[in-house]
Amino acid sequence: MKIQNISYQTNCYLVWNEESKEGFVVDCIHAPFIISAAEKLGVKIRALLVTHGHYDHIMGAADLKETTGAKIYMHKSDIEKIDDGSKNFSPWGRNTVRHFDVDVCVEDGDELNLCGAKVKAMHTPGHSEGEICYIMDDVIFCGDVLFKDSYGRYDNYDGDFNKLKNSIERLFALKGDYRLLCGHDVETSLEHERKSNPILFGL
Protein backbone atom coordinates (compact mmCIF):
# COMPACT_ATOMS: atom_id res chain seq x y z
CA MET A 1 0.00 0.00 0.00
CA LYS A 2 1.16 3.51 -0.85
CA ILE A 3 0.60 6.50 1.42
CA GLN A 4 0.61 10.18 0.55
CA ASN A 5 0.17 13.00 3.04
CA ILE A 6 -2.19 15.62 1.66
CA SER A 7 -1.37 18.41 4.10
CA TYR A 8 -3.84 21.29 4.34
CA GLN A 9 -3.64 22.63 7.92
CA THR A 10 -4.28 19.07 9.03
CA ASN A 11 -2.42 16.00 7.82
CA CYS A 12 -4.86 13.97 5.72
CA TYR A 13 -3.62 10.71 4.25
CA LEU A 14 -4.43 9.07 0.95
CA VAL A 15 -3.73 5.32 1.05
CA TRP A 16 -4.04 3.17 -2.03
CA ASN A 17 -3.43 -0.23 -3.54
CA GLU A 18 -1.04 0.11 -6.48
CA GLU A 19 -2.54 -2.87 -8.29
CA SER A 20 -6.25 -2.16 -8.00
CA LYS A 21 -5.89 1.65 -7.82
CA GLU A 22 -8.48 1.68 -5.05
CA GLY A 23 -7.81 3.57 -1.87
CA PHE A 24 -9.05 5.21 1.28
CA VAL A 25 -8.49 8.48 3.12
CA VAL A 26 -7.65 9.06 6.77
CA ASP A 27 -9.27 12.33 7.90
CA CYS A 28 -10.44 15.05 5.53
CA ILE A 29 -10.43 18.80 6.13
CA HIS A 30 -10.52 19.94 2.48
CA ALA A 31 -11.93 17.44 0.01
CA PRO A 32 -10.78 19.13 -3.25
CA PHE A 33 -7.11 18.70 -2.31
CA ILE A 34 -7.55 14.99 -1.70
CA ILE A 35 -9.80 14.38 -4.70
CA SER A 36 -7.35 16.20 -6.98
CA ALA A 37 -4.42 14.14 -5.67
CA ALA A 38 -6.37 10.91 -6.15
CA GLU A 39 -7.37 11.83 -9.70
CA LYS A 40 -3.76 12.56 -10.67
CA LEU A 41 -2.78 9.13 -9.35
CA GLY A 42 -5.76 7.42 -10.96
CA VAL A 43 -7.02 6.29 -7.54
CA LYS A 44 -10.68 5.65 -6.74
CA ILE A 45 -11.49 6.59 -3.13
CA ARG A 46 -13.64 3.94 -1.47
CA ALA A 47 -13.60 4.91 2.21
CA LEU A 48 -12.87 7.66 4.73
CA LEU A 49 -11.50 6.71 8.13
CA VAL A 50 -12.09 9.40 10.74
CA THR A 51 -9.70 9.49 13.68
CA HIS A 52 -11.92 11.86 15.69
CA GLY A 53 -14.68 14.41 15.31
CA HIS A 54 -12.94 17.77 15.60
CA TYR A 55 -13.66 20.11 12.71
CA ASP A 56 -10.11 20.08 11.35
CA HIS A 57 -10.41 16.33 10.75
CA ILE A 58 -13.96 16.13 9.39
CA MET A 59 -14.73 19.44 7.66
CA GLY A 60 -14.39 17.93 4.19
CA ALA A 61 -16.07 14.61 4.95
CA ALA A 62 -19.48 15.50 3.49
CA ASP A 63 -17.94 16.76 0.24
CA LEU A 64 -15.69 13.72 -0.07
CA LYS A 65 -18.60 11.35 0.43
CA GLU A 66 -20.85 13.18 -2.03
CA THR A 67 -18.16 13.35 -4.71
CA THR A 68 -16.63 9.87 -4.44
CA GLY A 69 -19.28 7.77 -2.68
CA ALA A 70 -16.76 6.86 0.02
CA LYS A 71 -18.10 5.06 3.07
CA ILE A 72 -17.32 6.87 6.33
CA TYR A 73 -15.91 4.99 9.31
CA MET A 74 -16.00 6.65 12.75
CA HIS A 75 -16.37 5.80 16.44
CA LYS A 76 -19.90 6.21 17.77
CA SER A 77 -18.78 8.45 20.67
CA ASP A 78 -17.78 11.24 18.30
CA ILE A 79 -20.87 11.22 16.07
CA GLU A 80 -22.42 13.83 18.37
CA LYS A 81 -19.68 16.26 17.35
CA ILE A 82 -20.60 16.33 13.66
CA ASP A 83 -23.48 18.79 14.03
CA ASP A 84 -22.39 20.61 17.20
CA GLY A 85 -19.89 23.41 16.76
CA SER A 86 -19.37 23.71 20.51
CA LYS A 87 -18.04 20.14 20.47
CA ASN A 88 -16.20 20.03 17.15
CA PHE A 89 -14.77 23.57 17.60
CA SER A 90 -15.74 24.67 14.08
CA PRO A 91 -16.55 28.24 15.24
CA TRP A 92 -12.79 28.72 15.73
CA GLY A 93 -11.74 30.58 12.60
CA ARG A 94 -15.40 30.79 11.51
CA ASN A 95 -15.42 27.29 10.08
CA THR A 96 -18.46 25.13 9.43
CA VAL A 97 -18.97 21.39 9.25
CA ARG A 98 -21.61 20.09 6.87
CA HIS A 99 -23.65 17.15 8.13
CA PHE A 100 -22.68 13.69 6.98
CA ASP A 101 -23.90 10.23 7.90
CA VAL A 102 -21.54 7.64 9.30
CA ASP A 103 -21.74 4.33 7.44
CA VAL A 104 -19.72 2.16 9.83
CA CYS A 105 -19.30 2.71 13.58
CA VAL A 106 -15.82 1.51 14.41
CA GLU A 107 -15.10 -0.18 17.74
CA ASP A 108 -11.87 -1.07 19.54
CA GLY A 109 -10.32 -4.17 18.02
CA ASP A 110 -12.27 -4.07 14.76
CA GLU A 111 -10.34 -5.40 11.78
CA LEU A 112 -11.21 -3.67 8.53
CA ASN A 113 -10.46 -5.02 5.08
CA LEU A 114 -10.02 -2.00 2.85
CA CYS A 115 -8.76 -2.05 -0.72
CA GLY A 116 -6.60 -5.08 -0.03
CA ALA A 117 -5.23 -3.77 3.27
CA LYS A 118 -5.95 -5.05 6.75
CA VAL A 119 -6.53 -2.16 9.14
CA LYS A 120 -7.01 -2.65 12.88
CA ALA A 121 -8.82 -0.07 14.98
CA MET A 122 -7.67 0.89 18.46
CA HIS A 123 -9.93 3.10 20.58
CA THR A 124 -7.67 5.74 22.12
CA PRO A 125 -9.77 8.32 24.01
CA GLY A 126 -8.35 11.26 25.90
CA HIS A 127 -7.99 14.00 23.30
CA SER A 128 -11.49 13.14 22.13
CA GLU A 129 -13.75 10.44 23.52
CA GLY A 130 -14.21 8.77 20.17
CA GLU A 131 -10.61 8.92 18.98
CA ILE A 132 -9.50 5.92 16.95
CA CYS A 133 -5.97 4.99 15.89
CA TYR A 134 -5.79 2.90 12.71
CA ILE A 135 -2.99 0.34 12.47
CA MET A 136 -1.91 -0.93 9.06
CA ASP A 137 1.23 -3.06 8.72
CA ASP A 138 4.02 -1.00 10.37
CA VAL A 139 2.06 2.27 10.29
CA ILE A 140 -0.25 3.86 12.86
CA PHE A 141 -2.49 6.73 11.83
CA CYS A 142 -2.66 8.27 15.28
CA GLY A 143 -4.73 11.43 14.78
CA ASP A 144 -4.15 13.84 17.65
CA VAL A 145 -3.20 11.27 20.27
CA LEU A 146 0.56 11.48 19.76
CA PHE A 147 2.87 13.97 18.07
CA LYS A 148 6.65 14.11 17.79
CA ASP A 149 7.81 14.72 21.36
CA SER A 150 4.31 15.79 22.32
CA TYR A 151 0.72 14.59 22.68
CA GLY A 152 -2.83 15.80 22.16
CA ARG A 153 -4.67 18.42 24.15
CA TYR A 154 -7.08 17.24 26.79
CA ASP A 155 -8.45 20.58 28.05
CA ASN A 156 -11.44 20.55 25.74
CA TYR A 157 -14.91 19.00 25.53
CA ASP A 158 -14.68 15.36 26.70
CA GLY A 159 -10.87 15.51 26.89
CA ASP A 160 -9.32 13.64 29.81
CA PHE A 161 -5.62 13.45 30.70
CA ASN A 162 -5.82 10.09 32.46
CA LYS A 163 -7.63 8.51 29.50
CA LEU A 164 -5.09 10.02 27.11
CA LYS A 165 -2.18 8.68 29.14
CA ASN A 166 -3.79 5.23 29.27
CA SER A 167 -4.34 5.31 25.51
CA ILE A 168 -0.72 6.23 24.86
CA GLU A 169 0.46 3.49 27.22
CA ARG A 170 -1.60 1.01 25.17
CA LEU A 171 0.17 2.19 22.05
CA PHE A 172 3.56 1.95 23.74
CA ALA A 173 2.73 -1.64 24.74
CA LEU A 174 2.47 -2.75 21.12
CA LYS A 175 5.31 -5.02 20.08
CA GLY A 176 7.90 -3.65 17.68
CA ASP A 177 8.25 -0.27 16.07
CA TYR A 178 5.76 1.64 13.94
CA ARG A 179 5.71 4.79 11.87
CA LEU A 180 3.38 7.27 13.55
CA LEU A 181 1.53 9.36 11.01
CA CYS A 182 0.14 12.18 13.10
CA GLY A 183 -2.78 14.53 12.58
CA HIS A 184 -0.48 17.54 12.56
CA ASP A 185 3.20 18.31 12.09
CA VAL A 186 5.81 15.70 11.11
CA GLU A 187 5.72 11.94 11.44
CA THR A 188 7.59 10.17 14.20
CA SER A 189 8.08 6.59 15.38
CA LEU A 190 6.64 4.62 18.26
CA GLU A 191 10.12 3.66 19.46
CA HIS A 192 11.20 7.31 19.57
CA GLU A 193 8.12 8.30 21.57
CA ARG A 194 8.55 5.36 23.96
CA LYS A 195 11.88 6.90 24.96
CA SER A 196 11.27 10.60 24.88
CA ASN A 197 7.61 11.57 24.91
CA PRO A 198 6.99 14.06 27.75
CA ILE A 199 3.86 12.21 28.89
CA LEU A 200 6.21 9.62 30.36
CA PHE A 201 7.58 12.23 32.73
CA GLY A 202 4.28 13.87 33.67
CA LEU A 203 4.98 16.91 31.53
C-alpha atoms as a PDB file:
ATOM      1  CA  MET A   1       0.000   0.000   0.000  1.00  0.00           C
ATOM      2  CA  LYS A   2       1.158   3.505  -0.850  1.00  0.00           C
ATOM      3  CA  ILE A   3       0.599   6.500   1.425  1.00  0.00           C
ATOM      4  CA  GLN A   4       0.611  10.179   0.547  1.00  0.00           C
ATOM      5  CA  ASN A   5       0.174  12.998   3.040  1.00  0.00           C
ATOM      6  CA  ILE A   6      -2.194  15.617   1.663  1.00  0.00           C
ATOM      7  CA  SER A   7      -1.374  18.414   4.098  1.00  0.00           C
ATOM      8  CA  TYR A   8      -3.840  21.292   4.342  1.00  0.00           C
ATOM      9  CA  GLN A   9      -3.643  22.631   7.919  1.00  0.00           C
ATOM     10  CA  THR A  10      -4.279  19.069   9.030  1.00  0.00           C
ATOM     11  CA  ASN A  11      -2.421  15.995   7.821  1.00  0.00           C
ATOM     12  CA  CYS A  12      -4.856  13.972   5.720  1.00  0.00           C
ATOM     13  CA  TYR A  13      -3.624  10.708   4.252  1.00  0.00           C
ATOM     14  CA  LEU A  14      -4.434   9.074   0.948  1.00  0.00           C
ATOM     15  CA  VAL A  15      -3.726   5.323   1.053  1.00  0.00           C
ATOM     16  CA  TRP A  16      -4.044   3.170  -2.027  1.00  0.00           C
ATOM     17  CA  ASN A  17      -3.432  -0.234  -3.543  1.00  0.00           C
ATOM     18  CA  GLU A  18      -1.040   0.112  -6.482  1.00  0.00           C
ATOM     19  CA  GLU A  19      -2.541  -2.868  -8.294  1.00  0.00           C
ATOM     20  CA  SER A  20      -6.251  -2.157  -7.997  1.00  0.00           C
ATOM     21  CA  LYS A  21      -5.888   1.651  -7.820  1.00  0.00           C
ATOM     22  CA  GLU A  22      -8.478   1.685  -5.051  1.00  0.00           C
ATOM     23  CA  GLY A  23      -7.810   3.566  -1.868  1.00  0.00           C
ATOM     24  CA  PHE A  24      -9.047   5.210   1.280  1.00  0.00           C
ATOM     25  CA  VAL A  25      -8.493   8.477   3.123  1.00  0.00           C
ATOM     26  CA  VAL A  26      -7.645   9.061   6.773  1.00  0.00           C
ATOM     27  CA  ASP A  27      -9.274  12.332   7.901  1.00  0.00           C
ATOM     28  CA  CYS A  28     -10.439  15.052   5.526  1.00  0.00           C
ATOM     29  CA  ILE A  29     -10.433  18.798   6.127  1.00  0.00           C
ATOM     30  CA  HIS A  30     -10.516  19.936   2.481  1.00  0.00           C
ATOM     31  CA  ALA A  31     -11.934  17.439   0.010  1.00  0.00           C
ATOM     32  CA  PRO A  32     -10.782  19.131  -3.248  1.00  0.00           C
ATOM     33  CA  PHE A  33      -7.109  18.704  -2.308  1.00  0.00           C
ATOM     34  CA  ILE A  34      -7.549  14.985  -1.696  1.00  0.00           C
ATOM     35  CA  ILE A  35      -9.796  14.385  -4.696  1.00  0.00           C
ATOM     36  CA  SER A  36      -7.345  16.196  -6.977  1.00  0.00           C
ATOM     37  CA  ALA A  37      -4.419  14.145  -5.667  1.00  0.00           C
ATOM     38  CA  ALA A  38      -6.373  10.908  -6.150  1.00  0.00           C
ATOM     39  CA  GLU A  39      -7.374  11.830  -9.698  1.00  0.00           C
ATOM     40  CA  LYS A  40      -3.759  12.565 -10.667  1.00  0.00           C
ATOM     41  CA  LEU A  41      -2.779   9.131  -9.354  1.00  0.00           C
ATOM     42  CA  GLY A  42      -5.758   7.419 -10.957  1.00  0.00           C
ATOM     43  CA  VAL A  43      -7.020   6.294  -7.541  1.00  0.00           C
ATOM     44  CA  LYS A  44     -10.681   5.651  -6.741  1.00  0.00           C
ATOM     45  CA  ILE A  45     -11.489   6.589  -3.132  1.00  0.00           C
ATOM     46  CA  ARG A  46     -13.645   3.939  -1.473  1.00  0.00           C
ATOM     47  CA  ALA A  47     -13.601   4.906   2.213  1.00  0.00           C
ATOM     48  CA  LEU A  48     -12.867   7.658   4.726  1.00  0.00           C
ATOM     49  CA  LEU A  49     -11.497   6.706   8.132  1.00  0.00           C
ATOM     50  CA  VAL A  50     -12.091   9.398  10.741  1.00  0.00           C
ATOM     51  CA  THR A  51      -9.698   9.493  13.681  1.00  0.00           C
ATOM     52  CA  HIS A  52     -11.919  11.860  15.689  1.00  0.00           C
ATOM     53  CA  GLY A  53     -14.680  14.407  15.309  1.00  0.00           C
ATOM     54  CA  HIS A  54     -12.940  17.772  15.599  1.00  0.00           C
ATOM     55  CA  TYR A  55     -13.659  20.106  12.707  1.00  0.00           C
ATOM     56  CA  ASP A  56     -10.114  20.084  11.348  1.00  0.00           C
ATOM     57  CA  HIS A  57     -10.405  16.331  10.755  1.00  0.00           C
ATOM     58  CA  ILE A  58     -13.960  16.125   9.388  1.00  0.00           C
ATOM     59  CA  MET A  59     -14.727  19.436   7.661  1.00  0.00           C
ATOM     60  CA  GLY A  60     -14.385  17.928   4.188  1.00  0.00           C
ATOM     61  CA  ALA A  61     -16.074  14.613   4.952  1.00  0.00           C
ATOM     62  CA  ALA A  62     -19.477  15.497   3.492  1.00  0.00           C
ATOM     63  CA  ASP A  63     -17.942  16.764   0.235  1.00  0.00           C
ATOM     64  CA  LEU A  64     -15.691  13.721  -0.073  1.00  0.00           C
ATOM     65  CA  LYS A  65     -18.599  11.345   0.434  1.00  0.00           C
ATOM     66  CA  GLU A  66     -20.852  13.179  -2.029  1.00  0.00           C
ATOM     67  CA  THR A  67     -18.161  13.346  -4.711  1.00  0.00           C
ATOM     68  CA  THR A  68     -16.635   9.874  -4.435  1.00  0.00           C
ATOM     69  CA  GLY A  69     -19.283   7.768  -2.683  1.00  0.00           C
ATOM     70  CA  ALA A  70     -16.758   6.861   0.018  1.00  0.00           C
ATOM     71  CA  LYS A  71     -18.104   5.055   3.072  1.00  0.00           C
ATOM     72  CA  ILE A  72     -17.323   6.869   6.326  1.00  0.00           C
ATOM     73  CA  TYR A  73     -15.915   4.988   9.307  1.00  0.00           C
ATOM     74  CA  MET A  74     -16.004   6.652  12.745  1.00  0.00           C
ATOM     75  CA  HIS A  75     -16.366   5.799  16.439  1.00  0.00           C
ATOM     76  CA  LYS A  76     -19.897   6.215  17.769  1.00  0.00           C
ATOM     77  CA  SER A  77     -18.777   8.445  20.671  1.00  0.00           C
ATOM     78  CA  ASP A  78     -17.781  11.236  18.300  1.00  0.00           C
ATOM     79  CA  ILE A  79     -20.868  11.225  16.074  1.00  0.00           C
ATOM     80  CA  GLU A  80     -22.423  13.834  18.374  1.00  0.00           C
ATOM     81  CA  LYS A  81     -19.678  16.262  17.352  1.00  0.00           C
ATOM     82  CA  ILE A  82     -20.600  16.327  13.663  1.00  0.00           C
ATOM     83  CA  ASP A  83     -23.481  18.790  14.027  1.00  0.00           C
ATOM     84  CA  ASP A  84     -22.395  20.608  17.202  1.00  0.00           C
ATOM     85  CA  GLY A  85     -19.887  23.413  16.760  1.00  0.00           C
ATOM     86  CA  SER A  86     -19.370  23.709  20.513  1.00  0.00           C
ATOM     87  CA  LYS A  87     -18.041  20.137  20.471  1.00  0.00           C
ATOM     88  CA  ASN A  88     -16.202  20.026  17.154  1.00  0.00           C
ATOM     89  CA  PHE A  89     -14.771  23.569  17.597  1.00  0.00           C
ATOM     90  CA  SER A  90     -15.743  24.666  14.083  1.00  0.00           C
ATOM     91  CA  PRO A  91     -16.545  28.242  15.238  1.00  0.00           C
ATOM     92  CA  TRP A  92     -12.787  28.718  15.727  1.00  0.00           C
ATOM     93  CA  GLY A  93     -11.740  30.575  12.599  1.00  0.00           C
ATOM     94  CA  ARG A  94     -15.402  30.789  11.511  1.00  0.00           C
ATOM     95  CA  ASN A  95     -15.420  27.287  10.083  1.00  0.00           C
ATOM     96  CA  THR A  96     -18.461  25.131   9.435  1.00  0.00           C
ATOM     97  CA  VAL A  97     -18.965  21.386   9.249  1.00  0.00           C
ATOM     98  CA  ARG A  98     -21.614  20.085   6.872  1.00  0.00           C
ATOM     99  CA  HIS A  99     -23.646  17.150   8.129  1.00  0.00           C
ATOM    100  CA  PHE A 100     -22.678  13.692   6.976  1.00  0.00           C
ATOM    101  CA  ASP A 101     -23.897  10.231   7.895  1.00  0.00           C
ATOM    102  CA  VAL A 102     -21.536   7.636   9.298  1.00  0.00           C
ATOM    103  CA  ASP A 103     -21.744   4.326   7.443  1.00  0.00           C
ATOM    104  CA  VAL A 104     -19.722   2.160   9.829  1.00  0.00           C
ATOM    105  CA  CYS A 105     -19.299   2.712  13.578  1.00  0.00           C
ATOM    106  CA  VAL A 106     -15.817   1.507  14.411  1.00  0.00           C
ATOM    107  CA  GLU A 107     -15.096  -0.184  17.741  1.00  0.00           C
ATOM    108  CA  ASP A 108     -11.872  -1.069  19.540  1.00  0.00           C
ATOM    109  CA  GLY A 109     -10.325  -4.171  18.018  1.00  0.00           C
ATOM    110  CA  ASP A 110     -12.266  -4.070  14.761  1.00  0.00           C
ATOM    111  CA  GLU A 111     -10.336  -5.398  11.776  1.00  0.00           C
ATOM    112  CA  LEU A 112     -11.209  -3.673   8.531  1.00  0.00           C
ATOM    113  CA  ASN A 113     -10.460  -5.025   5.076  1.00  0.00           C
ATOM    114  CA  LEU A 114     -10.025  -1.999   2.849  1.00  0.00           C
ATOM    115  CA  CYS A 115      -8.759  -2.048  -0.720  1.00  0.00           C
ATOM    116  CA  GLY A 116      -6.604  -5.079  -0.031  1.00  0.00           C
ATOM    117  CA  ALA A 117      -5.234  -3.769   3.266  1.00  0.00           C
ATOM    118  CA  LYS A 118      -5.953  -5.048   6.753  1.00  0.00           C
ATOM    119  CA  VAL A 119      -6.529  -2.159   9.141  1.00  0.00           C
ATOM    120  CA  LYS A 120      -7.006  -2.654  12.881  1.00  0.00           C
ATOM    121  CA  ALA A 121      -8.822  -0.069  14.983  1.00  0.00           C
ATOM    122  CA  MET A 122      -7.665   0.889  18.460  1.00  0.00           C
ATOM    123  CA  HIS A 123      -9.928   3.097  20.578  1.00  0.00           C
ATOM    124  CA  THR A 124      -7.672   5.744  22.125  1.00  0.00           C
ATOM    125  CA  PRO A 125      -9.774   8.316  24.014  1.00  0.00           C
ATOM    126  CA  GLY A 126      -8.346  11.262  25.903  1.00  0.00           C
ATOM    127  CA  HIS A 127      -7.989  13.999  23.305  1.00  0.00           C
ATOM    128  CA  SER A 128     -11.489  13.136  22.129  1.00  0.00           C
ATOM    129  CA  GLU A 129     -13.753  10.442  23.522  1.00  0.00           C
ATOM    130  CA  GLY A 130     -14.214   8.769  20.169  1.00  0.00           C
ATOM    131  CA  GLU A 131     -10.613   8.919  18.983  1.00  0.00           C
ATOM    132  CA  ILE A 132      -9.496   5.919  16.947  1.00  0.00           C
ATOM    133  CA  CYS A 133      -5.967   4.989  15.890  1.00  0.00           C
ATOM    134  CA  TYR A 134      -5.788   2.901  12.711  1.00  0.00           C
ATOM    135  CA  ILE A 135      -2.992   0.338  12.470  1.00  0.00           C
ATOM    136  CA  MET A 136      -1.909  -0.932   9.058  1.00  0.00           C
ATOM    137  CA  ASP A 137       1.228  -3.060   8.725  1.00  0.00           C
ATOM    138  CA  ASP A 138       4.015  -1.003  10.369  1.00  0.00           C
ATOM    139  CA  VAL A 139       2.061   2.268  10.292  1.00  0.00           C
ATOM    140  CA  ILE A 140      -0.248   3.859  12.862  1.00  0.00           C
ATOM    141  CA  PHE A 141      -2.487   6.732  11.833  1.00  0.00           C
ATOM    142  CA  CYS A 142      -2.662   8.267  15.280  1.00  0.00           C
ATOM    143  CA  GLY A 143      -4.726  11.426  14.775  1.00  0.00           C
ATOM    144  CA  ASP A 144      -4.153  13.844  17.646  1.00  0.00           C
ATOM    145  CA  VAL A 145      -3.198  11.269  20.272  1.00  0.00           C
ATOM    146  CA  LEU A 146       0.563  11.482  19.765  1.00  0.00           C
ATOM    147  CA  PHE A 147       2.873  13.968  18.075  1.00  0.00           C
ATOM    148  CA  LYS A 148       6.646  14.107  17.793  1.00  0.00           C
ATOM    149  CA  ASP A 149       7.815  14.722  21.359  1.00  0.00           C
ATOM    150  CA  SER A 150       4.309  15.786  22.320  1.00  0.00           C
ATOM    151  CA  TYR A 151       0.718  14.590  22.684  1.00  0.00           C
ATOM    152  CA  GLY A 152      -2.827  15.801  22.156  1.00  0.00           C
ATOM    153  CA  ARG A 153      -4.668  18.425  24.151  1.00  0.00           C
ATOM    154  CA  TYR A 154      -7.079  17.236  26.791  1.00  0.00           C
ATOM    155  CA  ASP A 155      -8.453  20.580  28.050  1.00  0.00           C
ATOM    156  CA  ASN A 156     -11.443  20.548  25.735  1.00  0.00           C
ATOM    157  CA  TYR A 157     -14.905  19.003  25.530  1.00  0.00           C
ATOM    158  CA  ASP A 158     -14.677  15.358  26.703  1.00  0.00           C
ATOM    159  CA  GLY A 159     -10.873  15.512  26.892  1.00  0.00           C
ATOM    160  CA  ASP A 160      -9.320  13.639  29.815  1.00  0.00           C
ATOM    161  CA  PHE A 161      -5.619  13.455  30.704  1.00  0.00           C
ATOM    162  CA  ASN A 162      -5.819  10.094  32.455  1.00  0.00           C
ATOM    163  CA  LYS A 163      -7.627   8.514  29.495  1.00  0.00           C
ATOM    164  CA  LEU A 164      -5.090  10.022  27.108  1.00  0.00           C
ATOM    165  CA  LYS A 165      -2.178   8.678  29.142  1.00  0.00           C
ATOM    166  CA  ASN A 166      -3.787   5.228  29.270  1.00  0.00           C
ATOM    167  CA  SER A 167      -4.339   5.306  25.514  1.00  0.00           C
ATOM    168  CA  ILE A 168      -0.724   6.226  24.864  1.00  0.00           C
ATOM    169  CA  GLU A 169       0.455   3.489  27.217  1.00  0.00           C
ATOM    170  CA  ARG A 170      -1.603   1.008  25.172  1.00  0.00           C
ATOM    171  CA  LEU A 171       0.171   2.188  22.053  1.00  0.00           C
ATOM    172  CA  PHE A 172       3.560   1.946  23.744  1.00  0.00           C
ATOM    173  CA  ALA A 173       2.731  -1.644  24.745  1.00  0.00           C
ATOM    174  CA  LEU A 174       2.467  -2.750  21.116  1.00  0.00           C
ATOM    175  CA  LYS A 175       5.308  -5.023  20.077  1.00  0.00           C
ATOM    176  CA  GLY A 176       7.896  -3.648  17.683  1.00  0.00           C
ATOM    177  CA  ASP A 177       8.249  -0.274  16.073  1.00  0.00           C
ATOM    178  CA  TYR A 178       5.762   1.645  13.937  1.00  0.00           C
ATOM    179  CA  ARG A 179       5.705   4.791  11.872  1.00  0.00           C
ATOM    180  CA  LEU A 180       3.384   7.269  13.553  1.00  0.00           C
ATOM    181  CA  LEU A 181       1.526   9.359  11.012  1.00  0.00           C
ATOM    182  CA  CYS A 182       0.141  12.180  13.104  1.00  0.00           C
ATOM    183  CA  GLY A 183      -2.775  14.528  12.578  1.00  0.00           C
ATOM    184  CA  HIS A 184      -0.477  17.541  12.556  1.00  0.00           C
ATOM    185  CA  ASP A 185       3.200  18.309  12.088  1.00  0.00           C
ATOM    186  CA  VAL A 186       5.809  15.699  11.113  1.00  0.00           C
ATOM    187  CA  GLU A 187       5.720  11.939  11.440  1.00  0.00           C
ATOM    188  CA  THR A 188       7.586  10.167  14.204  1.00  0.00           C
ATOM    189  CA  SER A 189       8.082   6.590  15.384  1.00  0.00           C
ATOM    190  CA  LEU A 190       6.638   4.617  18.258  1.00  0.00           C
ATOM    191  CA  GLU A 191      10.117   3.665  19.456  1.00  0.00           C
ATOM    192  CA  HIS A 192      11.203   7.315  19.573  1.00  0.00           C
ATOM    193  CA  GLU A 193       8.121   8.301  21.571  1.00  0.00           C
ATOM    194  CA  ARG A 194       8.550   5.361  23.958  1.00  0.00           C
ATOM    195  CA  LYS A 195      11.878   6.899  24.961  1.00  0.00           C
ATOM    196  CA  SER A 196      11.271  10.600  24.875  1.00  0.00           C
ATOM    197  CA  ASN A 197       7.610  11.568  24.909  1.00  0.00           C
ATOM    198  CA  PRO A 198       6.987  14.057  27.754  1.00  0.00           C
ATOM    199  CA  ILE A 199       3.860  12.215  28.892  1.00  0.00           C
ATOM    200  CA  LEU A 200       6.211   9.615  30.364  1.00  0.00           C
ATOM    201  CA  PHE A 201       7.580  12.229  32.731  1.00  0.00           C
ATOM    202  CA  GLY A 202       4.280  13.865  33.673  1.00  0.00           C
ATOM    203  CA  LEU A 203       4.977  16.914  31.533  1.00  0.00           C
END
